[in-house]
Amino acid sequence: MSVGVYTSHLGNNDALFSHVARMFLKKGDRVADITYGKGVFWKKLDTSMYDFHGSDLVTCPNAPYDFRCLPYTDGSFDVVVFDPPYTHNPGRLIVNDSYKNVETTKGMYHDDIIDLYRQGMMESIRILKEGGTLWVKCKDEVESSIQRWSHVEIFLVASSLGLYAVDFFILTQKSKPVIQHKEQKHSRKNHSYLWIFMKTGRKDKRLLVQRKAAKEASCRHKKS
């Protein structure tokens, strides 16, 4: 009996992706990782099984594409993977060597980051086939001592763009999070999220139900 794929995982991104791939990737799929970075997502997967295209402004000199303006034709990919820097106004982050926030999102605030997600998701939708999936990695953050629930905001963005949320994964890191500020006002965030969205027609009943729920959630949020 095969081991099931669960919502919550303890470990690294490569392990998470190897599990998710069992459900949402098949041999021969055309895949675009538009924020490839150092390719850590794919360490436990054989990308030669797919028609794989990695691009990144900083780390892919042969494909230095801006994820907001990709050179691919409309509806040409089965899967798009999107993981932009998600830290606002980074300054001198301890983890910058790994995530390159200063080079890519210097001076941006949280709302700017969410808008960056929106732009990348819009371009992803353009290059996705109907029924294709968009994998979006994100993490919540605190800005000026205020909690910003990025995973909720990104879901609402996706819904407004006509995407259907197929699945959702939570990744808890094994190590303790890097502490940037010694004074603690909120719990340390040691988990991130992976959304699986589907490009689907506007007449899809699942999407209509989900968009209605998202609209109601948004209205409740504004009233609170």
N, C-alpha and C. Protein backbone atom coordinates (compact mmCIF):
# COMPACT_ATOMS: atom_id res chain seq x y z
N MET A 1 0.85 -1.19 0.00
CA MET A 1 0.00 0.00 0.00
C MET A 1 0.89 1.24 0.00
N SER A 2 0.63 2.18 -0.91
CA SER A 2 1.45 3.38 -1.02
C SER A 2 1.18 4.35 0.12
N VAL A 3 2.19 5.10 0.50
CA VAL A 3 2.05 6.10 1.55
C VAL A 3 1.31 7.30 1.00
N GLY A 4 0.35 7.81 1.75
CA GLY A 4 -0.45 8.95 1.29
C GLY A 4 0.33 10.25 1.29
N VAL A 5 -0.21 11.23 0.59
CA VAL A 5 0.35 12.58 0.56
C VAL A 5 -0.48 13.44 1.51
N TYR A 6 0.17 14.04 2.48
CA TYR A 6 -0.53 14.78 3.53
C TYR A 6 -0.34 16.29 3.39
N THR A 7 -1.22 17.02 4.04
CA THR A 7 -1.20 18.48 3.97
C THR A 7 0.04 19.07 4.64
N SER A 8 0.40 18.54 5.81
CA SER A 8 1.48 19.11 6.61
C SER A 8 2.75 18.26 6.51
N HIS A 9 3.89 18.94 6.34
CA HIS A 9 5.18 18.24 6.20
C HIS A 9 6.23 18.91 7.08
N LEU A 10 7.11 18.09 7.64
CA LEU A 10 8.25 18.57 8.41
C LEU A 10 9.51 18.28 7.61
N GLY A 11 10.27 19.32 7.28
CA GLY A 11 11.49 19.10 6.51
C GLY A 11 11.83 20.25 5.61
N ASN A 12 12.35 19.93 4.43
CA ASN A 12 12.81 20.94 3.48
C ASN A 12 11.91 21.00 2.25
N ASN A 13 12.12 22.05 1.44
CA ASN A 13 11.32 22.23 0.24
C ASN A 13 11.45 21.08 -0.75
N ASP A 14 12.65 20.51 -0.88
CA ASP A 14 12.83 19.43 -1.85
C ASP A 14 12.01 18.21 -1.49
N ALA A 15 11.91 17.92 -0.19
CA ALA A 15 11.10 16.78 0.25
C ALA A 15 9.62 17.07 0.00
N LEU A 16 9.20 18.29 0.31
CA LEU A 16 7.81 18.67 0.06
C LEU A 16 7.45 18.51 -1.41
N PHE A 17 8.32 19.01 -2.29
CA PHE A 17 8.04 18.96 -3.72
C PHE A 17 8.00 17.53 -4.24
N SER A 18 8.81 16.66 -3.68
CA SER A 18 8.80 15.27 -4.13
C SER A 18 7.46 14.62 -3.79
N HIS A 19 6.86 15.00 -2.67
CA HIS A 19 5.54 14.49 -2.30
C HIS A 19 4.45 15.07 -3.20
N VAL A 20 4.49 16.39 -3.37
CA VAL A 20 3.46 17.07 -4.16
C VAL A 20 3.49 16.59 -5.62
N ALA A 21 4.69 16.33 -6.12
CA ALA A 21 4.84 15.87 -7.51
C ALA A 21 4.11 14.56 -7.75
N ARG A 22 3.99 13.74 -6.74
CA ARG A 22 3.29 12.46 -6.89
C ARG A 22 1.84 12.67 -7.28
N MET A 23 1.28 13.79 -6.89
CA MET A 23 -0.12 14.07 -7.19
C MET A 23 -0.30 14.99 -8.40
N PHE A 24 0.64 15.93 -8.58
CA PHE A 24 0.38 17.01 -9.52
C PHE A 24 1.39 17.12 -10.67
N LEU A 25 2.29 16.16 -10.80
CA LEU A 25 3.21 16.12 -11.94
C LEU A 25 3.17 14.74 -12.58
N LYS A 26 3.21 14.70 -13.88
CA LYS A 26 3.30 13.41 -14.57
C LYS A 26 4.40 13.48 -15.62
N LYS A 27 4.94 12.35 -15.96
CA LYS A 27 6.04 12.27 -16.92
C LYS A 27 5.65 12.95 -18.22
N GLY A 28 6.55 13.80 -18.71
CA GLY A 28 6.33 14.50 -19.97
C GLY A 28 5.67 15.85 -19.84
N ASP A 29 5.23 16.22 -18.63
CA ASP A 29 4.63 17.54 -18.43
C ASP A 29 5.62 18.65 -18.80
N ARG A 30 5.10 19.72 -19.37
CA ARG A 30 5.92 20.90 -19.65
C ARG A 30 5.87 21.81 -18.43
N VAL A 31 7.02 22.03 -17.80
CA VAL A 31 7.10 22.70 -16.50
C VAL A 31 7.97 23.95 -16.61
N ALA A 32 7.49 25.06 -16.05
CA ALA A 32 8.27 26.30 -15.97
C ALA A 32 8.44 26.69 -14.51
N ASP A 33 9.67 26.67 -14.02
CA ASP A 33 9.96 27.23 -12.70
C ASP A 33 10.49 28.63 -12.96
N ILE A 34 9.63 29.63 -12.77
CA ILE A 34 9.95 31.01 -13.19
C ILE A 34 10.71 31.79 -12.13
N THR A 35 10.97 31.16 -10.99
CA THR A 35 11.84 31.73 -9.94
C THR A 35 12.76 30.60 -9.47
N TYR A 36 13.55 30.08 -10.39
CA TYR A 36 14.31 28.85 -10.18
C TYR A 36 15.31 28.95 -9.04
N GLY A 37 15.91 30.12 -8.85
CA GLY A 37 16.90 30.27 -7.79
C GLY A 37 18.06 29.31 -7.96
N LYS A 38 18.34 28.52 -6.94
CA LYS A 38 19.40 27.52 -7.00
C LYS A 38 18.86 26.11 -7.26
N GLY A 39 17.59 26.04 -7.59
CA GLY A 39 17.00 24.75 -7.95
C GLY A 39 16.74 23.82 -6.78
N VAL A 40 16.61 24.38 -5.56
CA VAL A 40 16.47 23.52 -4.39
C VAL A 40 15.17 22.71 -4.39
N PHE A 41 14.13 23.22 -5.05
CA PHE A 41 12.87 22.49 -5.08
C PHE A 41 13.01 21.12 -5.75
N TRP A 42 13.97 21.01 -6.66
CA TRP A 42 14.02 19.86 -7.56
C TRP A 42 15.11 18.84 -7.22
N LYS A 43 15.76 18.98 -6.06
CA LYS A 43 16.87 18.11 -5.71
C LYS A 43 16.49 16.65 -5.58
N LYS A 44 15.25 16.37 -5.23
CA LYS A 44 14.81 14.99 -5.06
C LYS A 44 13.98 14.50 -6.26
N LEU A 45 13.94 15.31 -7.33
CA LEU A 45 13.18 14.94 -8.51
C LEU A 45 14.09 14.92 -9.74
N ASP A 46 13.80 14.06 -10.67
CA ASP A 46 14.55 13.96 -11.92
C ASP A 46 13.86 14.83 -12.96
N THR A 47 14.39 16.04 -13.17
CA THR A 47 13.73 16.98 -14.10
C THR A 47 13.80 16.52 -15.55
N SER A 48 14.65 15.53 -15.84
CA SER A 48 14.71 15.02 -17.21
C SER A 48 13.43 14.27 -17.59
N MET A 49 12.61 13.95 -16.59
CA MET A 49 11.34 13.29 -16.85
C MET A 49 10.30 14.24 -17.43
N TYR A 50 10.62 15.56 -17.35
CA TYR A 50 9.67 16.58 -17.79
C TYR A 50 10.33 17.44 -18.87
N ASP A 51 9.50 18.19 -19.57
CA ASP A 51 10.01 19.24 -20.46
C ASP A 51 10.20 20.46 -19.57
N PHE A 52 11.37 20.56 -18.95
CA PHE A 52 11.59 21.48 -17.84
C PHE A 52 12.29 22.76 -18.29
N HIS A 53 11.78 23.92 -17.82
CA HIS A 53 12.35 25.23 -18.16
C HIS A 53 12.51 26.04 -16.87
N GLY A 54 13.75 26.27 -16.46
CA GLY A 54 14.02 27.08 -15.28
C GLY A 54 14.51 28.46 -15.68
N SER A 55 14.02 29.48 -15.00
CA SER A 55 14.48 30.85 -15.29
C SER A 55 14.53 31.65 -14.00
N ASP A 56 15.43 32.65 -13.98
CA ASP A 56 15.58 33.49 -12.80
C ASP A 56 16.42 34.70 -13.18
N LEU A 57 16.01 35.88 -12.75
CA LEU A 57 16.74 37.10 -13.08
C LEU A 57 18.17 37.09 -12.56
N VAL A 58 18.38 36.49 -11.40
CA VAL A 58 19.68 36.56 -10.73
C VAL A 58 20.55 35.33 -10.98
N THR A 59 19.95 34.15 -10.95
CA THR A 59 20.76 32.92 -10.90
C THR A 59 20.79 32.10 -12.20
N CYS A 60 20.05 32.51 -13.21
CA CYS A 60 20.01 31.76 -14.47
C CYS A 60 20.50 32.63 -15.63
N PRO A 61 21.82 32.71 -15.84
CA PRO A 61 22.36 33.58 -16.90
C PRO A 61 21.88 33.21 -18.30
N ASN A 62 21.50 31.95 -18.51
CA ASN A 62 21.00 31.54 -19.82
C ASN A 62 19.51 31.78 -19.99
N ALA A 63 18.84 32.10 -18.88
CA ALA A 63 17.41 32.38 -18.93
C ALA A 63 17.07 33.43 -17.87
N PRO A 64 17.61 34.66 -18.01
CA PRO A 64 17.42 35.70 -17.00
C PRO A 64 16.09 36.44 -17.19
N TYR A 65 14.98 35.70 -17.09
CA TYR A 65 13.68 36.28 -17.43
C TYR A 65 13.00 36.89 -16.21
N ASP A 66 12.39 38.05 -16.42
CA ASP A 66 11.54 38.67 -15.42
C ASP A 66 10.22 37.89 -15.41
N PHE A 67 9.81 37.38 -14.25
CA PHE A 67 8.60 36.55 -14.21
C PHE A 67 7.33 37.33 -14.55
N ARG A 68 7.44 38.65 -14.65
CA ARG A 68 6.28 39.45 -15.05
C ARG A 68 6.17 39.59 -16.56
N CYS A 69 7.22 39.14 -17.27
CA CYS A 69 7.24 39.27 -18.73
C CYS A 69 8.09 38.13 -19.30
N LEU A 70 7.46 36.99 -19.50
CA LEU A 70 8.17 35.78 -19.92
C LEU A 70 8.11 35.61 -21.44
N PRO A 71 9.12 34.97 -22.03
CA PRO A 71 9.19 34.83 -23.49
C PRO A 71 8.42 33.62 -24.03
N TYR A 72 7.55 33.04 -23.22
CA TYR A 72 6.83 31.84 -23.61
C TYR A 72 5.49 32.18 -24.26
N THR A 73 5.01 31.31 -25.12
CA THR A 73 3.74 31.53 -25.79
C THR A 73 2.57 31.23 -24.86
N ASP A 74 1.41 31.78 -25.19
CA ASP A 74 0.21 31.58 -24.38
C ASP A 74 -0.16 30.10 -24.30
N GLY A 75 -0.59 29.67 -23.12
CA GLY A 75 -1.11 28.32 -22.94
C GLY A 75 -0.15 27.21 -23.30
N SER A 76 1.12 27.38 -22.97
CA SER A 76 2.13 26.41 -23.42
C SER A 76 2.70 25.52 -22.32
N PHE A 77 2.25 25.68 -21.06
CA PHE A 77 2.80 24.89 -19.96
C PHE A 77 1.71 24.17 -19.17
N ASP A 78 2.07 22.98 -18.69
CA ASP A 78 1.17 22.21 -17.82
C ASP A 78 1.28 22.66 -16.37
N VAL A 79 2.49 23.06 -15.97
CA VAL A 79 2.76 23.45 -14.58
C VAL A 79 3.67 24.67 -14.56
N VAL A 80 3.34 25.64 -13.71
CA VAL A 80 4.22 26.78 -13.46
C VAL A 80 4.48 26.84 -11.96
N VAL A 81 5.75 26.97 -11.59
CA VAL A 81 6.15 27.07 -10.18
C VAL A 81 6.63 28.49 -9.91
N PHE A 82 6.11 29.11 -8.84
CA PHE A 82 6.34 30.53 -8.59
C PHE A 82 6.65 30.75 -7.11
N ASP A 83 7.86 31.22 -6.83
CA ASP A 83 8.30 31.45 -5.45
C ASP A 83 9.14 32.73 -5.38
N PRO A 84 8.49 33.90 -5.47
CA PRO A 84 9.25 35.15 -5.43
C PRO A 84 9.73 35.46 -4.01
N PRO A 85 10.70 36.35 -3.85
CA PRO A 85 11.08 36.79 -2.50
C PRO A 85 9.87 37.36 -1.79
N TYR A 86 9.64 36.94 -0.55
CA TYR A 86 8.40 37.38 0.11
C TYR A 86 8.64 38.19 1.38
N THR A 87 9.83 38.75 1.53
CA THR A 87 10.12 39.58 2.70
C THR A 87 10.05 41.05 2.31
N HIS A 88 9.30 41.85 3.06
CA HIS A 88 9.15 43.26 2.75
C HIS A 88 10.38 44.06 3.17
N ASN A 89 10.66 45.16 2.46
CA ASN A 89 11.67 46.15 2.83
C ASN A 89 12.87 45.52 3.53
N PRO A 90 13.60 44.63 2.87
CA PRO A 90 14.50 43.72 3.57
C PRO A 90 15.70 44.35 4.28
N GLY A 91 16.28 45.43 3.74
CA GLY A 91 17.47 45.94 4.38
C GLY A 91 18.58 44.91 4.36
N ARG A 92 19.25 44.71 5.48
CA ARG A 92 20.35 43.74 5.55
C ARG A 92 19.88 42.47 6.27
N LEU A 93 19.19 41.62 5.56
CA LEU A 93 18.72 40.37 6.15
C LEU A 93 19.87 39.38 6.34
N ILE A 94 19.84 38.64 7.42
CA ILE A 94 20.85 37.62 7.68
C ILE A 94 20.83 36.55 6.59
N VAL A 95 19.65 36.24 6.08
CA VAL A 95 19.50 35.15 5.10
C VAL A 95 19.56 35.65 3.66
N ASN A 96 20.06 36.86 3.44
CA ASN A 96 20.03 37.41 2.08
C ASN A 96 20.86 36.60 1.07
N ASP A 97 21.97 35.99 1.53
CA ASP A 97 22.79 35.20 0.61
C ASP A 97 21.99 34.07 -0.02
N SER A 98 21.02 33.55 0.72
CA SER A 98 20.21 32.45 0.21
C SER A 98 19.03 32.93 -0.63
N TYR A 99 18.44 34.07 -0.23
CA TYR A 99 17.18 34.48 -0.86
C TYR A 99 17.27 35.70 -1.77
N LYS A 100 18.38 36.44 -1.72
CA LYS A 100 18.62 37.56 -2.62
C LYS A 100 17.51 38.61 -2.59
N ASN A 101 16.96 38.87 -1.40
CA ASN A 101 15.90 39.87 -1.31
C ASN A 101 16.38 41.28 -1.65
N VAL A 102 17.56 41.63 -1.18
CA VAL A 102 18.06 42.98 -1.42
C VAL A 102 18.18 43.26 -2.90
N GLU A 103 18.63 42.26 -3.66
CA GLU A 103 18.84 42.44 -5.10
C GLU A 103 17.53 42.51 -5.88
N THR A 104 16.47 41.94 -5.34
CA THR A 104 15.22 41.83 -6.12
C THR A 104 14.05 42.65 -5.58
N THR A 105 13.99 42.85 -4.27
CA THR A 105 12.82 43.56 -3.70
C THR A 105 13.23 44.67 -2.73
N LYS A 106 14.37 45.29 -2.96
CA LYS A 106 14.86 46.34 -2.08
C LYS A 106 13.87 47.50 -2.01
N GLY A 107 13.53 47.90 -0.78
CA GLY A 107 12.64 49.05 -0.59
C GLY A 107 11.16 48.73 -0.68
N MET A 108 10.81 47.47 -0.99
CA MET A 108 9.40 47.12 -1.11
C MET A 108 8.78 46.87 0.26
N TYR A 109 7.51 47.25 0.38
CA TYR A 109 6.75 46.95 1.59
C TYR A 109 5.80 45.79 1.31
N HIS A 110 5.09 45.37 2.32
CA HIS A 110 4.28 44.15 2.18
C HIS A 110 3.29 44.25 1.02
N ASP A 111 2.58 45.36 0.92
CA ASP A 111 1.60 45.50 -0.16
C ASP A 111 2.27 45.44 -1.53
N ASP A 112 3.50 45.94 -1.62
CA ASP A 112 4.25 45.85 -2.87
C ASP A 112 4.57 44.40 -3.20
N ILE A 113 4.92 43.62 -2.17
CA ILE A 113 5.22 42.20 -2.37
C ILE A 113 3.99 41.47 -2.88
N ILE A 114 2.83 41.74 -2.29
CA ILE A 114 1.59 41.09 -2.73
C ILE A 114 1.27 41.48 -4.17
N ASP A 115 1.51 42.73 -4.52
CA ASP A 115 1.28 43.16 -5.90
C ASP A 115 2.25 42.45 -6.85
N LEU A 116 3.47 42.21 -6.37
CA LEU A 116 4.45 41.46 -7.17
C LEU A 116 3.94 40.03 -7.41
N TYR A 117 3.38 39.43 -6.38
CA TYR A 117 2.74 38.13 -6.54
C TYR A 117 1.65 38.19 -7.61
N ARG A 118 0.81 39.21 -7.52
CA ARG A 118 -0.30 39.34 -8.48
C ARG A 118 0.23 39.40 -9.92
N GLN A 119 1.26 40.22 -10.13
CA GLN A 119 1.80 40.36 -11.48
C GLN A 119 2.38 39.04 -12.00
N GLY A 120 3.11 38.34 -11.11
CA GLY A 120 3.68 37.06 -11.50
C GLY A 120 2.62 36.01 -11.77
N MET A 121 1.56 36.03 -10.98
CA MET A 121 0.47 35.07 -11.16
C MET A 121 -0.30 35.35 -12.45
N MET A 122 -0.47 36.61 -12.79
CA MET A 122 -1.13 36.96 -14.04
C MET A 122 -0.35 36.45 -15.25
N GLU A 123 0.97 36.61 -15.22
CA GLU A 123 1.80 36.12 -16.31
C GLU A 123 1.81 34.59 -16.33
N SER A 124 1.78 33.97 -15.16
CA SER A 124 1.72 32.51 -15.09
C SER A 124 0.44 31.99 -15.72
N ILE A 125 -0.67 32.65 -15.46
CA ILE A 125 -1.94 32.25 -16.05
C ILE A 125 -1.87 32.32 -17.57
N ARG A 126 -1.21 33.35 -18.07
CA ARG A 126 -1.09 33.51 -19.53
C ARG A 126 -0.41 32.30 -20.17
N ILE A 127 0.67 31.81 -19.55
CA ILE A 127 1.44 30.74 -20.18
C ILE A 127 0.93 29.34 -19.82
N LEU A 128 -0.02 29.26 -18.88
CA LEU A 128 -0.57 27.97 -18.49
C LEU A 128 -1.63 27.49 -19.47
N LYS A 129 -1.67 26.18 -19.68
CA LYS A 129 -2.75 25.57 -20.43
C LYS A 129 -4.02 25.56 -19.57
N GLU A 130 -5.17 25.47 -20.21
CA GLU A 130 -6.41 25.28 -19.47
C GLU A 130 -6.31 23.96 -18.69
N GLY A 131 -6.59 24.01 -17.41
CA GLY A 131 -6.46 22.82 -16.57
C GLY A 131 -5.07 22.64 -15.99
N GLY A 132 -4.12 23.53 -16.38
CA GLY A 132 -2.77 23.49 -15.82
C GLY A 132 -2.75 24.02 -14.40
N THR A 133 -1.67 23.71 -13.67
CA THR A 133 -1.60 24.12 -12.27
C THR A 133 -0.47 25.12 -12.03
N LEU A 134 -0.73 26.05 -11.14
CA LEU A 134 0.23 27.05 -10.70
C LEU A 134 0.56 26.77 -9.24
N TRP A 135 1.84 26.48 -8.97
CA TRP A 135 2.30 26.20 -7.62
C TRP A 135 2.91 27.49 -7.04
N VAL A 136 2.32 28.01 -5.98
CA VAL A 136 2.75 29.30 -5.43
C VAL A 136 3.24 29.09 -4.00
N LYS A 137 4.51 29.40 -3.77
CA LYS A 137 5.12 29.29 -2.42
C LYS A 137 5.03 30.65 -1.74
N CYS A 138 4.72 30.67 -0.46
CA CYS A 138 4.61 31.94 0.26
C CYS A 138 4.83 31.72 1.75
N LYS A 139 4.96 32.82 2.46
CA LYS A 139 5.14 32.77 3.90
C LYS A 139 4.57 34.04 4.51
N ASP A 140 3.88 33.91 5.64
CA ASP A 140 3.35 35.08 6.34
C ASP A 140 4.50 35.88 6.93
N GLU A 141 4.23 37.14 7.25
CA GLU A 141 5.27 37.97 7.85
C GLU A 141 4.65 39.02 8.76
N VAL A 142 5.50 39.72 9.49
CA VAL A 142 5.08 40.82 10.35
C VAL A 142 5.69 42.10 9.79
N GLU A 143 4.85 43.10 9.61
CA GLU A 143 5.32 44.40 9.12
C GLU A 143 4.92 45.48 10.11
N SER A 144 5.89 46.20 10.64
CA SER A 144 5.64 47.26 11.63
C SER A 144 4.79 46.74 12.78
N SER A 145 5.14 45.55 13.26
CA SER A 145 4.49 44.89 14.40
C SER A 145 3.05 44.47 14.10
N ILE A 146 2.68 44.42 12.82
CA ILE A 146 1.35 43.99 12.42
C ILE A 146 1.45 42.69 11.63
N GLN A 147 0.65 41.70 12.00
CA GLN A 147 0.65 40.43 11.28
C GLN A 147 0.07 40.63 9.87
N ARG A 148 0.80 40.13 8.88
CA ARG A 148 0.30 40.14 7.50
C ARG A 148 0.21 38.69 7.03
N TRP A 149 -1.01 38.25 6.81
CA TRP A 149 -1.27 36.85 6.48
C TRP A 149 -1.18 36.66 4.97
N SER A 150 0.02 36.52 4.49
CA SER A 150 0.27 36.46 3.05
C SER A 150 -0.49 35.33 2.37
N HIS A 151 -0.56 34.16 3.02
CA HIS A 151 -1.21 33.02 2.36
C HIS A 151 -2.69 33.28 2.11
N VAL A 152 -3.33 34.07 2.99
CA VAL A 152 -4.74 34.43 2.80
C VAL A 152 -4.86 35.47 1.67
N GLU A 153 -3.99 36.47 1.71
CA GLU A 153 -4.03 37.51 0.68
C GLU A 153 -3.79 36.92 -0.71
N ILE A 154 -2.87 35.98 -0.79
CA ILE A 154 -2.55 35.36 -2.09
C ILE A 154 -3.71 34.50 -2.58
N PHE A 155 -4.40 33.83 -1.66
CA PHE A 155 -5.60 33.09 -2.05
C PHE A 155 -6.64 34.04 -2.64
N LEU A 156 -6.84 35.19 -2.02
CA LEU A 156 -7.82 36.16 -2.51
C LEU A 156 -7.41 36.72 -3.87
N VAL A 157 -6.10 36.94 -4.06
CA VAL A 157 -5.60 37.38 -5.36
C VAL A 157 -5.91 36.32 -6.41
N ALA A 158 -5.59 35.07 -6.08
CA ALA A 158 -5.82 33.97 -7.02
C ALA A 158 -7.29 33.87 -7.40
N SER A 159 -8.16 33.99 -6.42
CA SER A 159 -9.59 33.91 -6.68
C SER A 159 -10.04 35.04 -7.60
N SER A 160 -9.51 36.24 -7.36
CA SER A 160 -9.88 37.38 -8.20
C SER A 160 -9.40 37.22 -9.63
N LEU A 161 -8.35 36.41 -9.83
CA LEU A 161 -7.80 36.18 -11.17
C LEU A 161 -8.44 34.97 -11.86
N GLY A 162 -9.40 34.33 -11.18
CA GLY A 162 -10.10 33.21 -11.78
C GLY A 162 -9.44 31.87 -11.59
N LEU A 163 -8.53 31.76 -10.61
CA LEU A 163 -7.87 30.49 -10.33
C LEU A 163 -8.66 29.70 -9.28
N TYR A 164 -8.65 28.40 -9.43
CA TYR A 164 -9.32 27.51 -8.48
C TYR A 164 -8.26 26.86 -7.59
N ALA A 165 -8.43 26.95 -6.28
CA ALA A 165 -7.48 26.37 -5.34
C ALA A 165 -7.73 24.87 -5.21
N VAL A 166 -6.83 24.09 -5.80
CA VAL A 166 -6.96 22.64 -5.80
C VAL A 166 -6.48 22.04 -4.48
N ASP A 167 -5.37 22.59 -3.96
CA ASP A 167 -4.79 22.01 -2.75
C ASP A 167 -3.88 23.02 -2.06
N PHE A 168 -3.41 22.64 -0.87
CA PHE A 168 -2.69 23.56 0.00
C PHE A 168 -1.80 22.75 0.92
N PHE A 169 -0.53 23.14 1.02
CA PHE A 169 0.43 22.39 1.84
C PHE A 169 1.14 23.33 2.81
N ILE A 170 1.47 22.78 3.99
CA ILE A 170 2.19 23.53 5.02
C ILE A 170 3.51 22.84 5.27
N LEU A 171 4.59 23.61 5.20
CA LEU A 171 5.94 23.07 5.43
C LEU A 171 6.53 23.67 6.69
N THR A 172 6.83 22.81 7.68
CA THR A 172 7.47 23.26 8.92
C THR A 172 8.95 22.92 8.85
N GLN A 173 9.80 23.92 9.11
CA GLN A 173 11.23 23.68 9.02
C GLN A 173 11.75 22.96 10.26
N LYS A 174 12.77 22.14 10.08
CA LYS A 174 13.33 21.37 11.18
C LYS A 174 14.15 22.26 12.12
N SER A 175 14.88 23.20 11.55
CA SER A 175 15.73 24.07 12.36
C SER A 175 14.94 25.26 12.89
N LYS A 176 15.48 25.92 13.89
CA LYS A 176 14.85 27.12 14.42
C LYS A 176 14.98 28.25 13.41
N PRO A 177 13.97 29.11 13.30
CA PRO A 177 14.05 30.23 12.35
C PRO A 177 15.15 31.21 12.73
N VAL A 178 15.74 31.83 11.72
CA VAL A 178 16.76 32.84 11.97
C VAL A 178 16.11 34.03 12.66
N ILE A 179 16.69 34.49 13.75
CA ILE A 179 16.13 35.61 14.51
C ILE A 179 16.80 36.91 14.05
N GLN A 180 16.00 37.76 13.40
CA GLN A 180 16.51 39.03 12.92
C GLN A 180 16.47 40.10 14.01
N HIS A 181 15.42 40.06 14.84
CA HIS A 181 15.25 41.04 15.92
C HIS A 181 15.11 40.28 17.24
N LYS A 182 15.85 40.69 18.24
CA LYS A 182 15.85 39.99 19.53
C LYS A 182 14.56 40.19 20.31
N GLU A 183 13.97 41.39 20.22
CA GLU A 183 12.72 41.65 20.95
C GLU A 183 11.57 40.93 20.24
N GLN A 184 10.84 40.10 20.95
CA GLN A 184 9.77 39.31 20.34
C GLN A 184 8.40 39.83 20.74
N LYS A 185 7.58 40.16 19.72
CA LYS A 185 6.21 40.61 19.94
C LYS A 185 5.20 39.63 19.36
N HIS A 186 5.67 38.73 18.50
CA HIS A 186 4.81 37.71 17.88
C HIS A 186 5.56 36.39 17.86
N SER A 187 4.82 35.30 17.68
CA SER A 187 5.46 33.99 17.60
C SER A 187 6.38 33.95 16.38
N ARG A 188 7.52 33.25 16.52
CA ARG A 188 8.45 33.09 15.41
C ARG A 188 7.82 32.21 14.33
N LYS A 189 7.93 32.63 13.10
CA LYS A 189 7.32 31.88 12.00
C LYS A 189 8.29 30.82 11.48
N ASN A 190 7.96 29.58 11.74
CA ASN A 190 8.83 28.48 11.32
C ASN A 190 8.12 27.56 10.32
N HIS A 191 7.16 28.12 9.60
CA HIS A 191 6.48 27.34 8.57
C HIS A 191 6.16 28.23 7.37
N SER A 192 6.00 27.60 6.21
CA SER A 192 5.63 28.29 4.97
C SER A 192 4.52 27.50 4.30
N TYR A 193 4.08 27.99 3.16
CA TYR A 193 2.92 27.41 2.49
C TYR A 193 3.19 27.17 1.01
N LEU A 194 2.47 26.19 0.46
CA LEU A 194 2.49 25.96 -0.98
C LEU A 194 1.05 25.79 -1.45
N TRP A 195 0.60 26.75 -2.26
CA TRP A 195 -0.73 26.68 -2.87
C TRP A 195 -0.62 25.96 -4.21
N ILE A 196 -1.63 25.15 -4.54
CA ILE A 196 -1.76 24.58 -5.87
C ILE A 196 -3.05 25.13 -6.48
N PHE A 197 -2.90 26.02 -7.45
CA PHE A 197 -4.05 26.63 -8.12
C PHE A 197 -4.21 26.04 -9.52
N MET A 198 -5.44 26.00 -10.01
CA MET A 198 -5.70 25.50 -11.36
C MET A 198 -6.28 26.60 -12.24
N LYS A 199 -5.77 26.66 -13.46
CA LYS A 199 -6.36 27.55 -14.46
C LYS A 199 -7.59 26.85 -15.02
N THR A 200 -8.73 27.49 -14.86
CA THR A 200 -9.97 26.84 -15.25
C THR A 200 -10.92 27.85 -15.86
N GLY A 201 -11.90 27.36 -16.62
CA GLY A 201 -12.87 28.25 -17.25
C GLY A 201 -13.75 28.93 -16.22
N ARG A 202 -14.25 30.10 -16.54
CA ARG A 202 -15.07 30.86 -15.60
C ARG A 202 -16.39 30.17 -15.28
N LYS A 203 -16.82 29.23 -16.11
CA LYS A 203 -18.09 28.55 -15.87
C LYS A 203 -17.94 27.37 -14.93
N ASP A 204 -16.73 27.08 -14.51
CA ASP A 204 -16.48 25.97 -13.61
C ASP A 204 -17.21 26.22 -12.27
N LYS A 205 -18.10 25.32 -11.89
CA LYS A 205 -18.91 25.51 -10.68
C LYS A 205 -18.05 25.56 -9.42
N ARG A 206 -16.97 24.78 -9.40
CA ARG A 206 -16.09 24.79 -8.22
C ARG A 206 -15.52 26.17 -7.99
N LEU A 207 -15.11 26.81 -9.09
CA LEU A 207 -14.51 28.14 -9.00
C LEU A 207 -15.53 29.17 -8.54
N LEU A 208 -16.76 29.08 -9.05
CA LEU A 208 -17.80 30.03 -8.67
C LEU A 208 -18.10 29.95 -7.18
N VAL A 209 -18.16 28.72 -6.66
CA VAL A 209 -18.40 28.53 -5.22
C VAL A 209 -17.24 29.09 -4.41
N GLN A 210 -16.01 28.82 -4.86
CA GLN A 210 -14.84 29.28 -4.13
C GLN A 210 -14.71 30.79 -4.15
N ARG A 211 -15.00 31.39 -5.30
CA ARG A 211 -14.91 32.85 -5.41
C ARG A 211 -15.95 33.53 -4.52
N LYS A 212 -17.14 32.93 -4.42
CA LYS A 212 -18.17 33.48 -3.54
C LYS A 212 -17.71 33.44 -2.10
N ALA A 213 -17.11 32.30 -1.70
CA ALA A 213 -16.60 32.17 -0.33
C ALA A 213 -15.48 33.16 -0.06
N ALA A 214 -14.59 33.37 -1.06
CA ALA A 214 -13.49 34.31 -0.91
C ALA A 214 -14.01 35.73 -0.76
N LYS A 215 -15.03 36.07 -1.53
CA LYS A 215 -15.63 37.41 -1.45
C LYS A 215 -16.23 37.65 -0.08
N GLU A 216 -16.94 36.63 0.44
CA GLU A 216 -17.54 36.76 1.77
C GLU A 216 -16.47 36.89 2.84
N ALA A 217 -15.38 36.13 2.70
CA ALA A 217 -14.27 36.22 3.67
C ALA A 217 -13.64 37.59 3.63
N SER A 218 -13.48 38.14 2.41
CA SER A 218 -12.90 39.47 2.26
C SER A 218 -13.77 40.53 2.91
N CYS A 219 -15.08 40.40 2.75
CA CYS A 219 -16.02 41.36 3.35
C CYS A 219 -15.96 41.31 4.87
N ARG A 220 -15.86 40.08 5.41
CA ARG A 220 -15.75 39.95 6.87
C ARG A 220 -14.46 40.56 7.38
N HIS A 221 -13.38 40.40 6.59
CA HIS A 221 -12.07 40.94 6.96
C HIS A 221 -12.13 42.47 7.02
N LYS A 222 -12.81 43.08 6.04
CA LYS A 222 -12.88 44.54 5.99
C LYS A 222 -13.73 45.11 7.12
N LYS A 223 -14.73 44.35 7.56
CA LYS A 223 -15.60 44.83 8.62
C LYS A 223 -14.92 44.72 9.99
N SER A 224 -14.01 43.75 10.13
CA SER A 224 -13.36 43.51 11.43
C SER A 224 -12.30 44.56 11.74
